[in-house]
Amino acid sequence: MLRMTQPLRIAFMGSPSIALGVLEALIAAGYEIACVYSQPPRPAGRGQKLTPTPVHAFAEARGLDVRTPKSLKKAEEQAAFAALNLDAAVVVAYGLILPQPILDAPRLGCLNMHASILPRWRGAAPIQRAIMAGDTETGVDAMMMEAGLDTGPVLASVRTPITPEDTAGTLHDRLARLAAELAPRALAGLADDSLKPVPQIEGGMTYAAKITADDQRIDWSKPAAEVDCRIRGLAPAPGAWCEADLGQGPVRLKLLFSELTNLWNPAPPGTLLDDQLAVACGDGRAIRLLKLQKPGGKPLDARDFLAGTPLAAGTRLT
């Protein structure tokens, strides 16, 4: 049962910006943050200066105890975690595997906020993969962690549609807000036993593999809807790309936003069908590029891009 005399004592385990809202929400809700775990600082920028994760930087600025072990497999790290005498741990995109002694240490267990509706998109890149696959809905699951990868029972969920205007960036921000709203409620429900973990269904599991360089290059021979979803699912980072000859040889263009069009044209895939960046795809349909970026340049809306880099109908993108 939820303690009446003092707040729950928890550890927060997270690294990227999507986790910040959850940590802020737990602090605002009055939970006692005994410790924050985050990935170790890594070299970043031109000077390759060691840079803490967003969660690390935020927690340190708030005066919270921060730990950044490279692994939790060593007995001394597990003993240090157990010594925190936690009621629960809340995990959001932490990035390290939690061994069984870590999972077993908190009184109520470890609660993971996962950015998909499980069992769809277990794994590292659920936001990008959901858009790339053309899913029309996703959400956040509050899941009790166990040894398997995102296999634990689900305590609570919240859902949101994926629209044709969504990119990985906009969906990331929306899911971060939803996770921040869900986490305190799920943790309270776990503590007072008003929420019961429900095992995941057996069917429908998909794996959200990490994004690789092979994912980024656009294949114009694919159907237009698939190309559009890939562009939006990889924006703003790492970004899908293609090549175009801008007069001095092929130049790699990062593609950051697109939309499906009503144009049908049997032109070879990758052909510009007009002077407004409509591109033929493999199924005879076309997409229109709406935001692009040249090497060394900044992201530009199509109108601004074309003002400095005209691309005529008939140009081939490779």
C-alpha atoms as a PDB file:
ATOM      1  CA  MET A   1       0.000   0.000   0.000  1.00  0.00           C
ATOM      2  CA  LEU A   2       1.065   3.617  -0.564  1.00  0.00           C
ATOM      3  CA  ARG A   3       2.813   4.983   2.480  1.00  0.00           C
ATOM      4  CA  MET A   4       0.761   7.595   4.305  1.00  0.00           C
ATOM      5  CA  THR A   5       3.571   9.192   6.326  1.00  0.00           C
ATOM      6  CA  GLN A   6       6.132   9.747   3.585  1.00  0.00           C
ATOM      7  CA  PRO A   7       6.352   9.702  -0.217  1.00  0.00           C
ATOM      8  CA  LEU A   8       7.555   6.749  -2.211  1.00  0.00           C
ATOM      9  CA  ARG A   9      11.333   6.542  -2.436  1.00  0.00           C
ATOM     10  CA  ILE A  10      12.344   5.925  -6.039  1.00  0.00           C
ATOM     11  CA  ALA A  11      15.286   5.858  -8.403  1.00  0.00           C
ATOM     12  CA  PHE A  12      14.897   7.413 -11.830  1.00  0.00           C
ATOM     13  CA  MET A  13      16.808   5.828 -14.717  1.00  0.00           C
ATOM     14  CA  GLY A  14      16.903   7.665 -18.044  1.00  0.00           C
ATOM     15  CA  SER A  15      19.181   9.422 -20.482  1.00  0.00           C
ATOM     16  CA  PRO A  16      17.671  11.337 -23.480  1.00  0.00           C
ATOM     17  CA  SER A  17      15.360  14.326 -23.586  1.00  0.00           C
ATOM     18  CA  ILE A  18      12.207  12.192 -23.866  1.00  0.00           C
ATOM     19  CA  ALA A  19      12.801  11.184 -20.220  1.00  0.00           C
ATOM     20  CA  LEU A  20      13.021  14.717 -18.805  1.00  0.00           C
ATOM     21  CA  GLY A  21       9.291  15.360 -18.582  1.00  0.00           C
ATOM     22  CA  VAL A  22       8.738  12.172 -16.611  1.00  0.00           C
ATOM     23  CA  LEU A  23      11.437  13.081 -14.095  1.00  0.00           C
ATOM     24  CA  GLU A  24       9.992  16.587 -13.713  1.00  0.00           C
ATOM     25  CA  ALA A  25       6.488  15.161 -13.241  1.00  0.00           C
ATOM     26  CA  LEU A  26       7.643  12.731 -10.555  1.00  0.00           C
ATOM     27  CA  ILE A  27       9.393  15.546  -8.677  1.00  0.00           C
ATOM     28  CA  ALA A  28       6.291  17.733  -8.947  1.00  0.00           C
ATOM     29  CA  ALA A  29       4.104  14.872  -7.675  1.00  0.00           C
ATOM     30  CA  GLY A  30       6.166  14.693  -4.494  1.00  0.00           C
ATOM     31  CA  TYR A  31       8.039  11.430  -4.995  1.00  0.00           C
ATOM     32  CA  GLU A  32      11.373  11.195  -3.204  1.00  0.00           C
ATOM     33  CA  ILE A  33      14.100  10.857  -5.849  1.00  0.00           C
ATOM     34  CA  ALA A  34      16.785   8.897  -4.013  1.00  0.00           C
ATOM     35  CA  CYS A  35      19.079   8.759  -7.051  1.00  0.00           C
ATOM     36  CA  VAL A  36      19.150   9.360 -10.784  1.00  0.00           C
ATOM     37  CA  TYR A  37      20.914   6.892 -13.078  1.00  0.00           C
ATOM     38  CA  SER A  38      21.957   7.954 -16.567  1.00  0.00           C
ATOM     39  CA  GLN A  39      24.361   6.966 -19.336  1.00  0.00           C
ATOM     40  CA  PRO A  40      27.953   8.148 -18.822  1.00  0.00           C
ATOM     41  CA  PRO A  41      28.997  11.474 -20.397  1.00  0.00           C
ATOM     42  CA  ARG A  42      30.246  11.088 -23.959  1.00  0.00           C
ATOM     43  CA  PRO A  43      32.373  13.221 -26.310  1.00  0.00           C
ATOM     44  CA  ALA A  44      30.259  15.649 -28.322  1.00  0.00           C
ATOM     45  CA  GLY A  45      30.703  18.667 -30.575  1.00  0.00           C
ATOM     46  CA  ARG A  46      33.753  19.825 -32.490  1.00  0.00           C
ATOM     47  CA  GLY A  47      35.928  19.774 -29.416  1.00  0.00           C
ATOM     48  CA  GLN A  48      34.706  16.301 -28.404  1.00  0.00           C
ATOM     49  CA  LYS A  49      34.144  17.563 -24.874  1.00  0.00           C
ATOM     50  CA  LEU A  50      32.630  15.064 -22.465  1.00  0.00           C
ATOM     51  CA  THR A  51      28.948  15.991 -22.311  1.00  0.00           C
ATOM     52  CA  PRO A  52      26.367  14.663 -19.843  1.00  0.00           C
ATOM     53  CA  THR A  53      23.037  13.320 -21.046  1.00  0.00           C
ATOM     54  CA  PRO A  54      20.019  15.666 -20.827  1.00  0.00           C
ATOM     55  CA  VAL A  55      18.752  13.745 -17.787  1.00  0.00           C
ATOM     56  CA  HIS A  56      22.155  13.905 -16.088  1.00  0.00           C
ATOM     57  CA  ALA A  57      22.469  17.654 -16.662  1.00  0.00           C
ATOM     58  CA  PHE A  58      18.920  18.347 -15.439  1.00  0.00           C
ATOM     59  CA  ALA A  59      19.242  16.178 -12.326  1.00  0.00           C
ATOM     60  CA  GLU A  60      22.594  17.680 -11.390  1.00  0.00           C
ATOM     61  CA  ALA A  61      21.184  21.193 -11.746  1.00  0.00           C
ATOM     62  CA  ARG A  62      18.366  20.215  -9.372  1.00  0.00           C
ATOM     63  CA  GLY A  63      20.859  18.949  -6.787  1.00  0.00           C
ATOM     64  CA  LEU A  64      19.931  15.288  -7.211  1.00  0.00           C
ATOM     65  CA  ASP A  65      22.428  12.469  -6.705  1.00  0.00           C
ATOM     66  CA  VAL A  66      23.471  11.211 -10.178  1.00  0.00           C
ATOM     67  CA  ARG A  67      25.213   7.934 -10.985  1.00  0.00           C
ATOM     68  CA  THR A  68      26.550   7.050 -14.431  1.00  0.00           C
ATOM     69  CA  PRO A  69      27.889   3.480 -14.387  1.00  0.00           C
ATOM     70  CA  LYS A  70      28.941   1.939 -17.688  1.00  0.00           C
ATOM     71  CA  SER A  71      27.257  -1.303 -16.644  1.00  0.00           C
ATOM     72  CA  LEU A  72      25.066  -2.619 -13.857  1.00  0.00           C
ATOM     73  CA  LYS A  73      26.412  -6.152 -14.063  1.00  0.00           C
ATOM     74  CA  LYS A  74      29.092  -5.797 -11.378  1.00  0.00           C
ATOM     75  CA  ALA A  75      28.239  -6.924  -7.861  1.00  0.00           C
ATOM     76  CA  GLU A  76      29.347  -3.619  -6.335  1.00  0.00           C
ATOM     77  CA  GLU A  77      26.989  -1.630  -8.575  1.00  0.00           C
ATOM     78  CA  GLN A  78      24.122  -3.958  -7.697  1.00  0.00           C
ATOM     79  CA  ALA A  79      24.909  -3.665  -3.998  1.00  0.00           C
ATOM     80  CA  ALA A  80      24.991   0.132  -4.242  1.00  0.00           C
ATOM     81  CA  PHE A  81      21.592   0.095  -5.944  1.00  0.00           C
ATOM     82  CA  ALA A  82      20.096  -2.244  -3.337  1.00  0.00           C
ATOM     83  CA  ALA A  83      21.465  -0.016  -0.561  1.00  0.00           C
ATOM     84  CA  LEU A  84      19.204   2.802  -1.769  1.00  0.00           C
ATOM     85  CA  ASN A  85      16.322   0.923  -0.111  1.00  0.00           C
ATOM     86  CA  LEU A  86      13.889   1.855  -2.894  1.00  0.00           C
ATOM     87  CA  ASP A  87      10.171   1.466  -3.128  1.00  0.00           C
ATOM     88  CA  ALA A  88      10.392   1.505  -6.950  1.00  0.00           C
ATOM     89  CA  ALA A  89      12.489   2.496  -9.925  1.00  0.00           C
ATOM     90  CA  VAL A  90      11.105   4.371 -12.931  1.00  0.00           C
ATOM     91  CA  VAL A  91      12.920   3.769 -16.231  1.00  0.00           C
ATOM     92  CA  VAL A  92      12.619   5.876 -19.397  1.00  0.00           C
ATOM     93  CA  ALA A  93      14.998   5.170 -22.314  1.00  0.00           C
ATOM     94  CA  TYR A  94      17.895   4.498 -19.941  1.00  0.00           C
ATOM     95  CA  GLY A  95      19.995   2.558 -22.421  1.00  0.00           C
ATOM     96  CA  LEU A  96      21.519  -0.078 -20.131  1.00  0.00           C
ATOM     97  CA  ILE A  97      20.311  -3.615 -19.466  1.00  0.00           C
ATOM     98  CA  LEU A  98      18.988  -4.079 -15.938  1.00  0.00           C
ATOM     99  CA  PRO A  99      20.220  -7.417 -14.523  1.00  0.00           C
ATOM    100  CA  GLN A 100      17.852  -9.459 -12.368  1.00  0.00           C
ATOM    101  CA  PRO A 101      19.359  -8.250  -9.034  1.00  0.00           C
ATOM    102  CA  ILE A 102      18.590  -4.659 -10.104  1.00  0.00           C
ATOM    103  CA  LEU A 103      15.053  -5.586 -11.144  1.00  0.00           C
ATOM    104  CA  ASP A 104      14.493  -7.374  -7.830  1.00  0.00           C
ATOM    105  CA  ALA A 105      15.889  -4.679  -5.529  1.00  0.00           C
ATOM    106  CA  PRO A 106      12.996  -2.160  -5.329  1.00  0.00           C
ATOM    107  CA  ARG A 107      10.094  -3.219  -3.112  1.00  0.00           C
ATOM    108  CA  LEU A 108       7.493  -2.665  -5.852  1.00  0.00           C
ATOM    109  CA  GLY A 109       9.735  -3.447  -8.830  1.00  0.00           C
ATOM    110  CA  CYS A 110      10.903  -1.412 -11.844  1.00  0.00           C
ATOM    111  CA  LEU A 111       8.404   0.504 -13.981  1.00  0.00           C
ATOM    112  CA  ASN A 112       9.370   1.251 -17.575  1.00  0.00           C
ATOM    113  CA  MET A 113       7.684   3.961 -19.659  1.00  0.00           C
ATOM    114  CA  HIS A 114       7.836   2.573 -23.206  1.00  0.00           C
ATOM    115  CA  ALA A 115       6.913   4.620 -26.289  1.00  0.00           C
ATOM    116  CA  SER A 116       4.633   2.123 -28.036  1.00  0.00           C
ATOM    117  CA  ILE A 117       1.578  -0.034 -27.449  1.00  0.00           C
ATOM    118  CA  LEU A 118       3.174  -3.340 -26.546  1.00  0.00           C
ATOM    119  CA  PRO A 119       3.826  -5.937 -27.823  1.00  0.00           C
ATOM    120  CA  ARG A 120       4.118  -3.834 -30.997  1.00  0.00           C
ATOM    121  CA  TRP A 121       7.529  -2.227 -31.324  1.00  0.00           C
ATOM    122  CA  ARG A 122       9.542  -3.697 -28.529  1.00  0.00           C
ATOM    123  CA  GLY A 123      13.088  -2.448 -28.713  1.00  0.00           C
ATOM    124  CA  ALA A 124      15.217   0.620 -29.321  1.00  0.00           C
ATOM    125  CA  ALA A 125      13.436   2.776 -31.924  1.00  0.00           C
ATOM    126  CA  PRO A 126       9.671   2.427 -31.449  1.00  0.00           C
ATOM    127  CA  ILE A 127       8.793   6.005 -32.448  1.00  0.00           C
ATOM    128  CA  GLN A 128      10.653   5.952 -35.757  1.00  0.00           C
ATOM    129  CA  ARG A 129       9.588   2.421 -36.650  1.00  0.00           C
ATOM    130  CA  ALA A 130       5.908   3.116 -35.996  1.00  0.00           C
ATOM    131  CA  ILE A 131       5.864   5.991 -38.499  1.00  0.00           C
ATOM    132  CA  MET A 132       8.056   4.161 -41.011  1.00  0.00           C
ATOM    133  CA  ALA A 133       5.656   1.205 -40.942  1.00  0.00           C
ATOM    134  CA  GLY A 134       2.638   3.415 -41.625  1.00  0.00           C
ATOM    135  CA  ASP A 135       1.002   2.808 -38.230  1.00  0.00           C
ATOM    136  CA  THR A 136      -1.975   5.053 -37.518  1.00  0.00           C
ATOM    137  CA  GLU A 137      -1.799   4.802 -33.718  1.00  0.00           C
ATOM    138  CA  THR A 138       0.803   4.489 -31.003  1.00  0.00           C
ATOM    139  CA  GLY A 139       1.123   5.496 -27.371  1.00  0.00           C
ATOM    140  CA  VAL A 140       2.935   4.985 -24.080  1.00  0.00           C
ATOM    141  CA  ASP A 141       2.825   1.856 -21.928  1.00  0.00           C
ATOM    142  CA  ALA A 142       3.764   1.784 -18.252  1.00  0.00           C
ATOM    143  CA  MET A 143       5.270  -1.694 -18.083  1.00  0.00           C
ATOM    144  CA  MET A 144       6.620  -3.750 -15.200  1.00  0.00           C
ATOM    145  CA  MET A 145      10.125  -4.778 -16.180  1.00  0.00           C
ATOM    146  CA  GLU A 146      11.401  -8.335 -16.338  1.00  0.00           C
ATOM    147  CA  ALA A 147      14.450 -10.004 -17.854  1.00  0.00           C
ATOM    148  CA  GLY A 148      13.052 -10.139 -21.419  1.00  0.00           C
ATOM    149  CA  LEU A 149      13.230  -7.173 -23.796  1.00  0.00           C
ATOM    150  CA  ASP A 150      10.042  -5.141 -23.176  1.00  0.00           C
ATOM    151  CA  THR A 151       8.131  -8.340 -22.375  1.00  0.00           C
ATOM    152  CA  GLY A 152       6.720  -7.434 -18.957  1.00  0.00           C
ATOM    153  CA  PRO A 153       3.061  -6.968 -18.026  1.00  0.00           C
ATOM    154  CA  VAL A 154       1.483  -3.566 -18.684  1.00  0.00           C
ATOM    155  CA  LEU A 155       0.194  -1.524 -15.765  1.00  0.00           C
ATOM    156  CA  ALA A 156      -1.389   1.387 -17.662  1.00  0.00           C
ATOM    157  CA  SER A 157      -1.493   2.831 -21.199  1.00  0.00           C
ATOM    158  CA  VAL A 158      -2.321   6.001 -23.072  1.00  0.00           C
ATOM    159  CA  ARG A 159      -2.785   6.201 -26.856  1.00  0.00           C
ATOM    160  CA  THR A 160      -2.446   8.814 -29.564  1.00  0.00           C
ATOM    161  CA  PRO A 161      -3.048   8.820 -33.337  1.00  0.00           C
ATOM    162  CA  ILE A 162      -0.208   9.111 -35.840  1.00  0.00           C
ATOM    163  CA  THR A 163      -1.196  11.649 -38.496  1.00  0.00           C
ATOM    164  CA  PRO A 164       0.220  12.347 -41.985  1.00  0.00           C
ATOM    165  CA  GLU A 165       1.697  15.533 -40.501  1.00  0.00           C
ATOM    166  CA  ASP A 166       3.719  13.697 -37.868  1.00  0.00           C
ATOM    167  CA  THR A 167       7.459  13.246 -37.959  1.00  0.00           C
ATOM    168  CA  ALA A 168       9.541  11.314 -35.463  1.00  0.00           C
ATOM    169  CA  GLY A 169      10.245  14.693 -33.862  1.00  0.00           C
ATOM    170  CA  THR A 170       6.629  15.765 -33.367  1.00  0.00           C
ATOM    171  CA  LEU A 171       5.586  12.295 -32.214  1.00  0.00           C
ATOM    172  CA  HIS A 172       8.538  12.137 -29.804  1.00  0.00           C
ATOM    173  CA  ASP A 173       7.442  15.394 -28.170  1.00  0.00           C
ATOM    174  CA  ARG A 174       3.815  14.306 -27.895  1.00  0.00           C
ATOM    175  CA  LEU A 175       4.721  10.929 -26.405  1.00  0.00           C
ATOM    176  CA  ALA A 176       7.070  12.629 -23.946  1.00  0.00           C
ATOM    177  CA  ARG A 177       4.153  14.730 -22.691  1.00  0.00           C
ATOM    178  CA  LEU A 178       1.908  11.679 -22.444  1.00  0.00           C
ATOM    179  CA  ALA A 179       4.575   9.728 -20.547  1.00  0.00           C
ATOM    180  CA  ALA A 180       4.960  12.602 -18.087  1.00  0.00           C
ATOM    181  CA  GLU A 181       1.205  12.556 -17.458  1.00  0.00           C
ATOM    182  CA  LEU A 182       1.034   8.770 -17.132  1.00  0.00           C
ATOM    183  CA  ALA A 183       4.063   8.025 -14.941  1.00  0.00           C
ATOM    184  CA  PRO A 184       2.918   9.546 -11.612  1.00  0.00           C
ATOM    185  CA  ARG A 185      -0.539   8.017 -12.007  1.00  0.00           C
ATOM    186  CA  ALA A 186       0.865   4.575 -12.868  1.00  0.00           C
ATOM    187  CA  LEU A 187       3.317   4.671  -9.968  1.00  0.00           C
ATOM    188  CA  ALA A 188       0.565   5.654  -7.535  1.00  0.00           C
ATOM    189  CA  GLY A 189      -1.651   2.861  -8.864  1.00  0.00           C
ATOM    190  CA  LEU A 190       1.157   0.363  -8.444  1.00  0.00           C
ATOM    191  CA  ALA A 191       1.741   1.498  -4.874  1.00  0.00           C
ATOM    192  CA  ASP A 192      -1.877   1.422  -3.687  1.00  0.00           C
ATOM    193  CA  ASP A 193      -2.737  -1.680  -5.739  1.00  0.00           C
ATOM    194  CA  SER A 194      -5.473   0.121  -7.696  1.00  0.00           C
ATOM    195  CA  LEU A 195      -3.762  -0.801 -10.983  1.00  0.00           C
ATOM    196  CA  LYS A 196      -3.022  -4.423 -11.832  1.00  0.00           C
ATOM    197  CA  PRO A 197      -0.326  -5.468 -14.348  1.00  0.00           C
ATOM    198  CA  VAL A 198      -1.826  -7.217 -17.359  1.00  0.00           C
ATOM    199  CA  PRO A 199       0.306  -9.704 -19.351  1.00  0.00           C
ATOM    200  CA  GLN A 200       1.014  -8.703 -22.933  1.00  0.00           C
ATOM    201  CA  ILE A 201      -0.910 -10.546 -25.629  1.00  0.00           C
ATOM    202  CA  GLU A 202       1.046 -13.237 -27.408  1.00  0.00           C
ATOM    203  CA  GLY A 203       0.370 -12.111 -30.996  1.00  0.00           C
ATOM    204  CA  GLY A 204       1.304  -8.967 -32.864  1.00  0.00           C
ATOM    205  CA  MET A 205       4.853  -8.570 -31.571  1.00  0.00           C
ATOM    206  CA  THR A 206       7.209  -6.472 -33.712  1.00  0.00           C
ATOM    207  CA  TYR A 207      10.795  -5.446 -33.020  1.00  0.00           C
ATOM    208  CA  ALA A 208      11.923  -1.822 -33.312  1.00  0.00           C
ATOM    209  CA  ALA A 209      15.541  -2.285 -34.383  1.00  0.00           C
ATOM    210  CA  LYS A 210      18.000   0.583 -34.072  1.00  0.00           C
ATOM    211  CA  ILE A 211      18.074   2.940 -37.062  1.00  0.00           C
ATOM    212  CA  THR A 212      21.022   2.200 -39.352  1.00  0.00           C
ATOM    213  CA  ALA A 213      22.625   3.949 -42.306  1.00  0.00           C
ATOM    214  CA  ASP A 214      20.832   1.533 -44.627  1.00  0.00           C
ATOM    215  CA  ASP A 215      17.490   2.819 -43.336  1.00  0.00           C
ATOM    216  CA  GLN A 216      18.318   6.381 -44.335  1.00  0.00           C
ATOM    217  CA  ARG A 217      18.829   6.120 -48.085  1.00  0.00           C
ATOM    218  CA  ILE A 218      15.582   6.550 -49.999  1.00  0.00           C
ATOM    219  CA  ASP A 219      14.661   3.923 -52.585  1.00  0.00           C
ATOM    220  CA  TRP A 220      12.343   5.665 -55.053  1.00  0.00           C
ATOM    221  CA  SER A 221      11.245   2.309 -56.480  1.00  0.00           C
ATOM    222  CA  LYS A 222       9.200   1.743 -53.302  1.00  0.00           C
ATOM    223  CA  PRO A 223       5.516   2.764 -53.145  1.00  0.00           C
ATOM    224  CA  ALA A 224       4.901   6.456 -52.495  1.00  0.00           C
ATOM    225  CA  ALA A 225       3.239   5.869 -49.108  1.00  0.00           C
ATOM    226  CA  GLU A 226       6.245   3.866 -47.934  1.00  0.00           C
ATOM    227  CA  VAL A 227       8.684   6.560 -49.078  1.00  0.00           C
ATOM    228  CA  ASP A 228       6.653   9.289 -47.351  1.00  0.00           C
ATOM    229  CA  CYS A 229       6.544   7.313 -44.089  1.00  0.00           C
ATOM    230  CA  ARG A 230      10.285   6.689 -44.204  1.00  0.00           C
ATOM    231  CA  ILE A 231      11.077  10.375 -44.689  1.00  0.00           C
ATOM    232  CA  ARG A 232       8.823  11.466 -41.847  1.00  0.00           C
ATOM    233  CA  GLY A 233       9.885   8.613 -39.595  1.00  0.00           C
ATOM    234  CA  LEU A 234      13.545   9.624 -39.813  1.00  0.00           C
ATOM    235  CA  ALA A 235      13.022  13.380 -39.382  1.00  0.00           C
ATOM    236  CA  PRO A 236      14.553  15.462 -37.982  1.00  0.00           C
ATOM    237  CA  ALA A 237      17.365  13.049 -37.142  1.00  0.00           C
ATOM    238  CA  PRO A 238      19.161  11.168 -38.492  1.00  0.00           C
ATOM    239  CA  GLY A 239      17.222  12.114 -41.646  1.00  0.00           C
ATOM    240  CA  ALA A 240      16.497  10.245 -44.863  1.00  0.00           C
ATOM    241  CA  TRP A 241      18.522  11.233 -47.924  1.00  0.00           C
ATOM    242  CA  CYS A 242      18.878  10.989 -51.671  1.00  0.00           C
ATOM    243  CA  GLU A 243      21.282  12.465 -54.222  1.00  0.00           C
ATOM    244  CA  ALA A 244      20.662  15.126 -56.856  1.00  0.00           C
ATOM    245  CA  ASP A 245      22.956  16.623 -59.493  1.00  0.00           C
ATOM    246  CA  LEU A 246      22.970  20.355 -58.757  1.00  0.00           C
ATOM    247  CA  GLY A 247      25.348  21.175 -61.599  1.00  0.00           C
ATOM    248  CA  GLN A 248      28.637  20.144 -60.057  1.00  0.00           C
ATOM    249  CA  GLY A 249      28.039  16.452 -59.540  1.00  0.00           C
ATOM    250  CA  PRO A 250      25.822  14.526 -57.112  1.00  0.00           C
ATOM    251  CA  VAL A 251      24.969  16.237 -53.827  1.00  0.00           C
ATOM    252  CA  ARG A 252      23.377  14.474 -50.901  1.00  0.00           C
ATOM    253  CA  LEU A 253      20.095  16.055 -49.868  1.00  0.00           C
ATOM    254  CA  LYS A 254      18.613  15.376 -46.451  1.00  0.00           C
ATOM    255  CA  LEU A 255      14.833  14.973 -46.734  1.00  0.00           C
ATOM    256  CA  LEU A 256      12.990  16.215 -43.654  1.00  0.00           C
ATOM    257  CA  PHE A 257       9.298  16.397 -44.557  1.00  0.00           C
ATOM    258  CA  SER A 258       7.033  15.225 -47.361  1.00  0.00           C
ATOM    259  CA  GLU A 259       3.435  14.493 -48.254  1.00  0.00           C
ATOM    260  CA  LEU A 260       1.556  12.184 -50.570  1.00  0.00           C
ATOM    261  CA  THR A 261       0.134  13.770 -53.733  1.00  0.00           C
ATOM    262  CA  ASN A 262      -2.707  12.870 -56.080  1.00  0.00           C
ATOM    263  CA  LEU A 263      -0.315  12.767 -59.039  1.00  0.00           C
ATOM    264  CA  TRP A 264      -0.077   9.561 -61.053  1.00  0.00           C
ATOM    265  CA  ASN A 265       2.729   9.325 -63.592  1.00  0.00           C
ATOM    266  CA  PRO A 266       4.568   6.344 -65.150  1.00  0.00           C
ATOM    267  CA  ALA A 267       7.878   8.263 -65.119  1.00  0.00           C
ATOM    268  CA  PRO A 268      10.906   6.369 -63.798  1.00  0.00           C
ATOM    269  CA  PRO A 269      11.078   6.380 -60.000  1.00  0.00           C
ATOM    270  CA  GLY A 270      12.990   9.370 -58.648  1.00  0.00           C
ATOM    271  CA  THR A 271      11.957  11.684 -61.496  1.00  0.00           C
ATOM    272  CA  LEU A 272      10.776  15.176 -60.590  1.00  0.00           C
ATOM    273  CA  LEU A 273       7.326  15.563 -62.124  1.00  0.00           C
ATOM    274  CA  ASP A 274       7.099  19.343 -61.795  1.00  0.00           C
ATOM    275  CA  ASP A 275       9.173  22.274 -60.574  1.00  0.00           C
ATOM    276  CA  GLN A 276       7.682  21.985 -57.064  1.00  0.00           C
ATOM    277  CA  LEU A 277       9.505  18.842 -55.968  1.00  0.00           C
ATOM    278  CA  ALA A 278       6.893  16.188 -56.739  1.00  0.00           C
ATOM    279  CA  VAL A 279       8.829  12.926 -57.100  1.00  0.00           C
ATOM    280  CA  ALA A 280       7.678   9.786 -58.922  1.00  0.00           C
ATOM    281  CA  CYS A 281       7.727   6.590 -56.892  1.00  0.00           C
ATOM    282  CA  GLY A 282       7.617   2.932 -57.792  1.00  0.00           C
ATOM    283  CA  ASP A 283       3.845   2.474 -57.708  1.00  0.00           C
ATOM    284  CA  GLY A 284       3.100   5.299 -60.168  1.00  0.00           C
ATOM    285  CA  ARG A 285       2.168   7.690 -57.377  1.00  0.00           C
ATOM    286  CA  ALA A 286       4.255  10.635 -56.197  1.00  0.00           C
ATOM    287  CA  ILE A 287       5.272  12.390 -53.027  1.00  0.00           C
ATOM    288  CA  ARG A 288       6.099  16.066 -52.670  1.00  0.00           C
ATOM    289  CA  LEU A 289       9.199  17.120 -50.752  1.00  0.00           C
ATOM    290  CA  LEU A 290       8.363  19.932 -48.319  1.00  0.00           C
ATOM    291  CA  LYS A 291      11.560  20.399 -46.312  1.00  0.00           C
ATOM    292  CA  LEU A 292      15.152  19.697 -47.384  1.00  0.00           C
ATOM    293  CA  GLN A 293      18.710  20.392 -46.335  1.00  0.00           C
ATOM    294  CA  LYS A 294      21.916  20.629 -48.360  1.00  0.00           C
ATOM    295  CA  PRO A 295      25.289  19.656 -46.865  1.00  0.00           C
ATOM    296  CA  GLY A 296      26.490  22.458 -44.611  1.00  0.00           C
ATOM    297  CA  GLY A 297      23.182  24.294 -44.930  1.00  0.00           C
ATOM    298  CA  LYS A 298      20.185  24.681 -42.695  1.00  0.00           C
ATOM    299  CA  PRO A 299      16.823  22.955 -43.140  1.00  0.00           C
ATOM    300  CA  LEU A 300      14.656  24.870 -45.607  1.00  0.00           C
ATOM    301  CA  ASP A 301      11.033  24.743 -46.617  1.00  0.00           C
ATOM    302  CA  ALA A 302      10.626  23.747 -50.267  1.00  0.00           C
ATOM    303  CA  ARG A 303       9.900  27.311 -51.441  1.00  0.00           C
ATOM    304  CA  ASP A 304      13.069  28.692 -49.844  1.00  0.00           C
ATOM    305  CA  PHE A 305      15.113  25.742 -51.050  1.00  0.00           C
ATOM    306  CA  LEU A 306      13.953  26.188 -54.650  1.00  0.00           C
ATOM    307  CA  ALA A 307      14.641  29.916 -54.519  1.00  0.00           C
ATOM    308  CA  GLY A 308      18.333  29.153 -54.132  1.00  0.00           C
ATOM    309  CA  THR A 309      18.480  25.753 -55.837  1.00  0.00           C
ATOM    310  CA  PRO A 310      15.987  25.415 -58.721  1.00  0.00           C
ATOM    311  CA  LEU A 311      15.257  21.828 -59.705  1.00  0.00           C
ATOM    312  CA  ALA A 312      13.389  21.417 -62.979  1.00  0.00           C
ATOM    313  CA  ALA A 313      10.857  18.784 -63.960  1.00  0.00           C
ATOM    314  CA  GLY A 314      12.639  15.763 -65.393  1.00  0.00           C
ATOM    315  CA  THR A 315      15.549  15.923 -62.928  1.00  0.00           C
ATOM    316  CA  ARG A 316      16.388  12.491 -61.496  1.00  0.00           C
ATOM    317  CA  LEU A 317      16.948  11.968 -57.807  1.00  0.00           C
ATOM    318  CA  THR A 318      19.063   8.895 -57.125  1.00  0.00           C
END
